[in-house]
Amino acid sequence: MLPCREMLFGKIVRIGDFGMFQTAVSSEYSETEEKLHPSFIRNPEIAFRPGTDLKEMPATLKYEKVK
């Protein structure tokens, strides 16, 4: 199955050491499951969590002045 299709089913897609992608949503509050309605769901997005190397990379950057 294609990675994007996996995310449609709520699965996390790992791309080696690069990081992970998953879908994320928020919703309005519902007191009971019976009162929950799909229209309550809002702000669907794709969340990315970088792998260790990518997460730590900014701390290793070195800067130099360009002449």
PDB file of N, CA and C in Angstrom:
ATOM      1  N   MET A   1       0.845  -1.182   0.000  1.00  0.00           N
ATOM      2  CA  MET A   1       0.000   0.000   0.000  1.00  0.00           C
ATOM      3  C   MET A   1       0.888   1.243   0.000  1.00  0.00           C
ATOM      4  N   LEU A   2       0.479   2.285  -0.690  1.00  0.00           N
ATOM      5  CA  LEU A   2       1.243   3.529  -0.758  1.00  0.00           C
ATOM      6  C   LEU A   2       1.241   4.239   0.590  1.00  0.00           C
ATOM      7  N   PRO A   3       2.343   4.944   0.939  1.00  0.00           N
ATOM      8  CA  PRO A   3       2.419   5.638   2.238  1.00  0.00           C
ATOM      9  C   PRO A   3       1.248   6.576   2.513  1.00  0.00           C
ATOM     10  N   CYS A   4       0.809   7.340   1.516  1.00  0.00           N
ATOM     11  CA  CYS A   4      -0.309   8.268   1.748  1.00  0.00           C
ATOM     12  C   CYS A   4      -1.573   7.501   2.095  1.00  0.00           C
ATOM     13  N   ARG A   5      -1.764   6.375   1.478  1.00  0.00           N
ATOM     14  CA  ARG A   5      -2.948   5.552   1.757  1.00  0.00           C
ATOM     15  C   ARG A   5      -2.882   5.007   3.189  1.00  0.00           C
ATOM     16  N   GLU A   6      -1.706   4.657   3.640  1.00  0.00           N
ATOM     17  CA  GLU A   6      -1.534   4.168   5.014  1.00  0.00           C
ATOM     18  C   GLU A   6      -1.976   5.245   6.012  1.00  0.00           C
ATOM     19  N   MET A   7      -1.624   6.505   5.734  1.00  0.00           N
ATOM     20  CA  MET A   7      -1.989   7.600   6.642  1.00  0.00           C
ATOM     21  C   MET A   7      -3.495   7.812   6.678  1.00  0.00           C
ATOM     22  N   LEU A   8      -4.205   7.501   5.590  1.00  0.00           N
ATOM     23  CA  LEU A   8      -5.667   7.609   5.581  1.00  0.00           C
ATOM     24  C   LEU A   8      -6.292   6.705   6.629  1.00  0.00           C
ATOM     25  N   PHE A   9      -5.598   5.629   6.968  1.00  0.00           N
ATOM     26  CA  PHE A   9      -6.105   4.676   7.948  1.00  0.00           C
ATOM     27  C   PHE A   9      -5.493   4.899   9.329  1.00  0.00           C
ATOM     28  N   GLY A  10      -4.884   6.079   9.530  1.00  0.00           N
ATOM     29  CA  GLY A  10      -4.363   6.445  10.843  1.00  0.00           C
ATOM     30  C   GLY A  10      -3.012   5.855  11.182  1.00  0.00           C
ATOM     31  N   LYS A  11      -2.348   5.267  10.203  1.00  0.00           N
ATOM     32  CA  LYS A  11      -1.054   4.653  10.467  1.00  0.00           C
ATOM     33  C   LYS A  11       0.072   5.682  10.346  1.00  0.00           C
ATOM     34  N   ILE A  12       1.140   5.446  11.073  1.00  0.00           N
ATOM     35  CA  ILE A  12       2.331   6.284  11.004  1.00  0.00           C
ATOM     36  C   ILE A  12       3.209   5.760   9.886  1.00  0.00           C
ATOM     37  N   VAL A  13       3.715   6.674   9.052  1.00  0.00           N
ATOM     38  CA  VAL A  13       4.601   6.289   7.959  1.00  0.00           C
ATOM     39  C   VAL A  13       6.017   6.708   8.325  1.00  0.00           C
ATOM     40  N   ARG A  14       6.893   5.722   8.456  1.00  0.00           N
ATOM     41  CA  ARG A  14       8.296   5.974   8.792  1.00  0.00           C
ATOM     42  C   ARG A  14       9.123   5.950   7.516  1.00  0.00           C
ATOM     43  N   ILE A  15       9.989   6.946   7.380  1.00  0.00           N
ATOM     44  CA  ILE A  15      10.884   7.000   6.231  1.00  0.00           C
ATOM     45  C   ILE A  15      12.305   6.883   6.764  1.00  0.00           C
ATOM     46  N   GLY A  16      12.706   5.656   7.001  1.00  0.00           N
ATOM     47  CA  GLY A  16      14.038   5.358   7.521  1.00  0.00           C
ATOM     48  C   GLY A  16      14.369   6.208   8.737  1.00  0.00           C
ATOM     49  N   ASP A  17      15.603   6.722   8.767  1.00  0.00           N
ATOM     50  CA  ASP A  17      16.046   7.578   9.868  1.00  0.00           C
ATOM     51  C   ASP A  17      15.620   9.032   9.678  1.00  0.00           C
ATOM     52  N   PHE A  18      15.029   9.346   8.518  1.00  0.00           N
ATOM     53  CA  PHE A  18      14.629  10.721   8.227  1.00  0.00           C
ATOM     54  C   PHE A  18      13.556  11.207   9.188  1.00  0.00           C
ATOM     55  N   GLY A  19      12.514  10.403   9.400  1.00  0.00           N
ATOM     56  CA  GLY A  19      11.457  10.807  10.313  1.00  0.00           C
ATOM     57  C   GLY A  19      10.156  10.087  10.042  1.00  0.00           C
ATOM     58  N   MET A  20       9.081  10.570  10.675  1.00  0.00           N
ATOM     59  CA  MET A  20       7.772   9.940  10.582  1.00  0.00           C
ATOM     60  C   MET A  20       6.698  10.964  10.226  1.00  0.00           C
ATOM     61  N   PHE A  21       5.736  10.525   9.448  1.00  0.00           N
ATOM     62  CA  PHE A  21       4.586  11.332   9.080  1.00  0.00           C
ATOM     63  C   PHE A  21       3.333  10.655   9.603  1.00  0.00           C
ATOM     64  N   GLN A  22       2.357  11.452  10.056  1.00  0.00           N
ATOM     65  CA  GLN A  22       1.069  10.908  10.448  1.00  0.00           C
ATOM     66  C   GLN A  22       0.019  11.998  10.332  1.00  0.00           C
ATOM     67  N   THR A  23      -1.226  11.590  10.234  1.00  0.00           N
ATOM     68  CA  THR A  23      -2.310  12.562  10.183  1.00  0.00           C
ATOM     69  C   THR A  23      -2.659  12.986  11.607  1.00  0.00           C
ATOM     70  N   ALA A  24      -3.129  14.210  11.732  1.00  0.00           N
ATOM     71  CA  ALA A  24      -3.522  14.748  13.032  1.00  0.00           C
ATOM     72  C   ALA A  24      -4.772  15.605  12.826  1.00  0.00           C
ATOM     73  N   VAL A  25      -5.693  15.492  13.748  1.00  0.00           N
ATOM     74  CA  VAL A  25      -6.922  16.299  13.684  1.00  0.00           C
ATOM     75  C   VAL A  25      -7.267  16.806  15.075  1.00  0.00           C
ATOM     76  N   SER A  26      -8.123  17.788  15.124  1.00  0.00           N
ATOM     77  CA  SER A  26      -8.705  18.223  16.394  1.00  0.00           C
ATOM     78  C   SER A  26     -10.219  18.220  16.187  1.00  0.00           C
ATOM     79  N   SER A  27     -10.946  18.298  17.273  1.00  0.00           N
ATOM     80  CA  SER A  27     -12.400  18.264  17.128  1.00  0.00           C
ATOM     81  C   SER A  27     -13.074  19.024  18.259  1.00  0.00           C
ATOM     82  N   GLU A  28     -14.342  19.288  18.046  1.00  0.00           N
ATOM     83  CA  GLU A  28     -15.156  19.884  19.096  1.00  0.00           C
ATOM     84  C   GLU A  28     -15.416  18.820  20.158  1.00  0.00           C
ATOM     85  N   TYR A  29     -15.695  19.259  21.368  1.00  0.00           N
ATOM     86  CA  TYR A  29     -15.974  18.344  22.472  1.00  0.00           C
ATOM     87  C   TYR A  29     -17.342  17.684  22.300  1.00  0.00           C
ATOM     88  N   SER A  30     -17.420  16.421  22.644  1.00  0.00           N
ATOM     89  CA  SER A  30     -18.679  15.699  22.653  1.00  0.00           C
ATOM     90  C   SER A  30     -18.766  14.919  23.963  1.00  0.00           C
ATOM     91  N   GLU A  31     -19.866  15.063  24.677  1.00  0.00           N
ATOM     92  CA  GLU A  31     -20.011  14.396  25.968  1.00  0.00           C
ATOM     93  C   GLU A  31     -20.033  12.883  25.849  1.00  0.00           C
ATOM     94  N   THR A  32     -20.617  12.379  24.768  1.00  0.00           N
ATOM     95  CA  THR A  32     -20.693  10.928  24.583  1.00  0.00           C
ATOM     96  C   THR A  32     -20.338  10.572  23.152  1.00  0.00           C
ATOM     97  N   GLU A  33     -19.965   9.334  22.947  1.00  0.00           N
ATOM     98  CA  GLU A  33     -19.634   8.860  21.608  1.00  0.00           C
ATOM     99  C   GLU A  33     -20.861   8.930  20.693  1.00  0.00           C
ATOM    100  N   GLU A  34     -22.033   8.709  21.243  1.00  0.00           N
ATOM    101  CA  GLU A  34     -23.267   8.741  20.455  1.00  0.00           C
ATOM    102  C   GLU A  34     -23.540  10.136  19.885  1.00  0.00           C
ATOM    103  N   LYS A  35     -23.135  11.162  20.619  1.00  0.00           N
ATOM    104  CA  LYS A  35     -23.365  12.534  20.166  1.00  0.00           C
ATOM    105  C   LYS A  35     -22.260  13.039  19.228  1.00  0.00           C
ATOM    106  N   LEU A  36     -21.196  12.275  19.087  1.00  0.00           N
ATOM    107  CA  LEU A  36     -20.079  12.671  18.223  1.00  0.00           C
ATOM    108  C   LEU A  36     -20.512  12.608  16.766  1.00  0.00           C
ATOM    109  N   HIS A  37     -20.146  13.632  16.005  1.00  0.00           N
ATOM    110  CA  HIS A  37     -20.528  13.703  14.588  1.00  0.00           C
ATOM    111  C   HIS A  37     -19.287  14.076  13.766  1.00  0.00           C
ATOM    112  N   PRO A  38     -19.138  13.501  12.566  1.00  0.00           N
ATOM    113  CA  PRO A  38     -17.968  13.818  11.731  1.00  0.00           C
ATOM    114  C   PRO A  38     -17.764  15.310  11.480  1.00  0.00           C
ATOM    115  N   SER A  39     -18.844  16.100  11.514  1.00  0.00           N
ATOM    116  CA  SER A  39     -18.704  17.540  11.277  1.00  0.00           C
ATOM    117  C   SER A  39     -17.960  18.237  12.415  1.00  0.00           C
ATOM    118  N   PHE A  40     -17.762  17.560  13.554  1.00  0.00           N
ATOM    119  CA  PHE A  40     -17.034  18.135  14.682  1.00  0.00           C
ATOM    120  C   PHE A  40     -15.529  18.181  14.420  1.00  0.00           C
ATOM    121  N   ILE A  41     -15.068  17.355  13.486  1.00  0.00           N
ATOM    122  CA  ILE A  41     -13.631  17.270  13.204  1.00  0.00           C
ATOM    123  C   ILE A  41     -13.194  18.497  12.412  1.00  0.00           C
ATOM    124  N   ARG A  42     -12.073  19.085  12.830  1.00  0.00           N
ATOM    125  CA  ARG A  42     -11.550  20.274  12.143  1.00  0.00           C
ATOM    126  C   ARG A  42     -10.018  20.240  12.139  1.00  0.00           C
ATOM    127  N   ASN A  43      -9.452  21.083  11.357  1.00  0.00           N
ATOM    128  CA  ASN A  43      -8.002  21.260  11.256  1.00  0.00           C
ATOM    129  C   ASN A  43      -7.220  19.987  10.942  1.00  0.00           C
ATOM    130  N   PRO A  44      -7.640  19.201   9.937  1.00  0.00           N
ATOM    131  CA  PRO A  44      -6.829  18.039   9.593  1.00  0.00           C
ATOM    132  C   PRO A  44      -5.493  18.508   9.010  1.00  0.00           C
ATOM    133  N   GLU A  45      -4.426  17.831   9.379  1.00  0.00           N
ATOM    134  CA  GLU A  45      -3.107  18.186   8.860  1.00  0.00           C
ATOM    135  C   GLU A  45      -2.190  16.977   8.897  1.00  0.00           C
ATOM    136  N   ILE A  46      -1.048  17.120   8.280  1.00  0.00           N
ATOM    137  CA  ILE A  46      -0.031  16.082   8.305  1.00  0.00           C
ATOM    138  C   ILE A  46       1.056  16.535   9.260  1.00  0.00           C
ATOM    139  N   ALA A  47       1.329  15.717  10.256  1.00  0.00           N
ATOM    140  CA  ALA A  47       2.360  16.032  11.247  1.00  0.00           C
ATOM    141  C   ALA A  47       3.645  15.288  10.881  1.00  0.00           C
ATOM    142  N   PHE A  48       4.780  15.974  11.015  1.00  0.00           N
ATOM    143  CA  PHE A  48       6.089  15.370  10.749  1.00  0.00           C
ATOM    144  C   PHE A  48       6.912  15.406  12.021  1.00  0.00           C
ATOM    145  N   ARG A  49       7.520  14.279  12.353  1.00  0.00           N
ATOM    146  CA  ARG A  49       8.434  14.219  13.489  1.00  0.00           C
ATOM    147  C   ARG A  49       9.792  13.781  12.951  1.00  0.00           C
ATOM    148  N   PRO A  50      10.778  14.665  13.004  1.00  0.00           N
ATOM    149  CA  PRO A  50      12.084  14.316  12.439  1.00  0.00           C
ATOM    150  C   PRO A  50      12.772  13.211  13.226  1.00  0.00           C
ATOM    151  N   GLY A  51      13.625  12.453  12.516  1.00  0.00           N
ATOM    152  CA  GLY A  51      14.449  11.445  13.160  1.00  0.00           C
ATOM    153  C   GLY A  51      15.532  12.118  13.998  1.00  0.00           C
ATOM    154  N   THR A  52      16.267  11.334  14.761  1.00  0.00           N
ATOM    155  CA  THR A  52      17.281  11.862  15.685  1.00  0.00           C
ATOM    156  C   THR A  52      18.323  12.716  14.979  1.00  0.00           C
ATOM    157  N   ASP A  53      18.891  12.219  13.881  1.00  0.00           N
ATOM    158  CA  ASP A  53      19.935  12.975  13.172  1.00  0.00           C
ATOM    159  C   ASP A  53      19.421  14.322  12.684  1.00  0.00           C
ATOM    160  N   LEU A  54      18.249  14.328  12.088  1.00  0.00           N
ATOM    161  CA  LEU A  54      17.685  15.578  11.574  1.00  0.00           C
ATOM    162  C   LEU A  54      17.339  16.528  12.710  1.00  0.00           C
ATOM    163  N   LYS A  55      16.846  15.996  13.805  1.00  0.00           N
ATOM    164  CA  LYS A  55      16.482  16.817  14.954  1.00  0.00           C
ATOM    165  C   LYS A  55      17.718  17.474  15.582  1.00  0.00           C
ATOM    166  N   GLU A  56      18.827  16.757  15.615  1.00  0.00           N
ATOM    167  CA  GLU A  56      20.050  17.266  16.245  1.00  0.00           C
ATOM    168  C   GLU A  56      20.927  18.083  15.294  1.00  0.00           C
ATOM    169  N   MET A  57      20.652  18.037  13.999  1.00  0.00           N
ATOM    170  CA  MET A  57      21.475  18.712  12.999  1.00  0.00           C
ATOM    171  C   MET A  57      21.648  20.208  13.227  1.00  0.00           C
ATOM    172  N   PRO A  58      20.608  20.983  13.588  1.00  0.00           N
ATOM    173  CA  PRO A  58      20.820  22.428  13.767  1.00  0.00           C
ATOM    174  C   PRO A  58      21.902  22.759  14.798  1.00  0.00           C
ATOM    175  N   ALA A  59      22.073  21.935  15.804  1.00  0.00           N
ATOM    176  CA  ALA A  59      23.091  22.199  16.828  1.00  0.00           C
ATOM    177  C   ALA A  59      24.512  22.015  16.296  1.00  0.00           C
ATOM    178  N   THR A  60      24.645  21.326  15.164  1.00  0.00           N
ATOM    179  CA  THR A  60      25.982  21.072  14.607  1.00  0.00           C
ATOM    180  C   THR A  60      26.360  22.049  13.495  1.00  0.00           C
ATOM    181  N   LEU A  61      25.457  22.958  13.135  1.00  0.00           N
ATOM    182  CA  LEU A  61      25.734  23.901  12.055  1.00  0.00           C
ATOM    183  C   LEU A  61      26.870  24.849  12.435  1.00  0.00           C
ATOM    184  N   LYS A  62      27.684  25.147  11.456  1.00  0.00           N
ATOM    185  CA  LYS A  62      28.771  26.125  11.647  1.00  0.00           C
ATOM    186  C   LYS A  62      28.540  27.243  10.630  1.00  0.00           C
ATOM    187  N   TYR A  63      28.791  28.440  11.062  1.00  0.00           N
ATOM    188  CA  TYR A  63      28.537  29.596  10.211  1.00  0.00           C
ATOM    189  C   TYR A  63      29.850  30.324   9.946  1.00  0.00           C
ATOM    190  N   GLU A  64      29.949  30.864   8.747  1.00  0.00           N
ATOM    191  CA  GLU A  64      31.110  31.688   8.430  1.00  0.00           C
ATOM    192  C   GLU A  64      30.670  32.846   7.560  1.00  0.00           C
ATOM    193  N   LYS A  65      31.370  33.904   7.688  1.00  0.00           N
ATOM    194  CA  LYS A  65      31.058  35.114   6.934  1.00  0.00           C
ATOM    195  C   LYS A  65      31.515  34.929   5.497  1.00  0.00           C
ATOM    196  N   VAL A  66      30.637  35.282   4.553  1.00  0.00           N
ATOM    197  CA  VAL A  66      30.956  35.163   3.128  1.00  0.00           C
ATOM    198  C   VAL A  66      31.570  36.484   2.693  1.00  0.00           C
ATOM    199  N   LYS A  67      32.695  36.404   2.009  1.00  0.00           N
ATOM    200  CA  LYS A  67      33.388  37.621   1.575  1.00  0.00           C
ATOM    201  C   LYS A  67      32.854  38.120   0.273  1.00  0.00           C
TER     202      LYS A  67
END
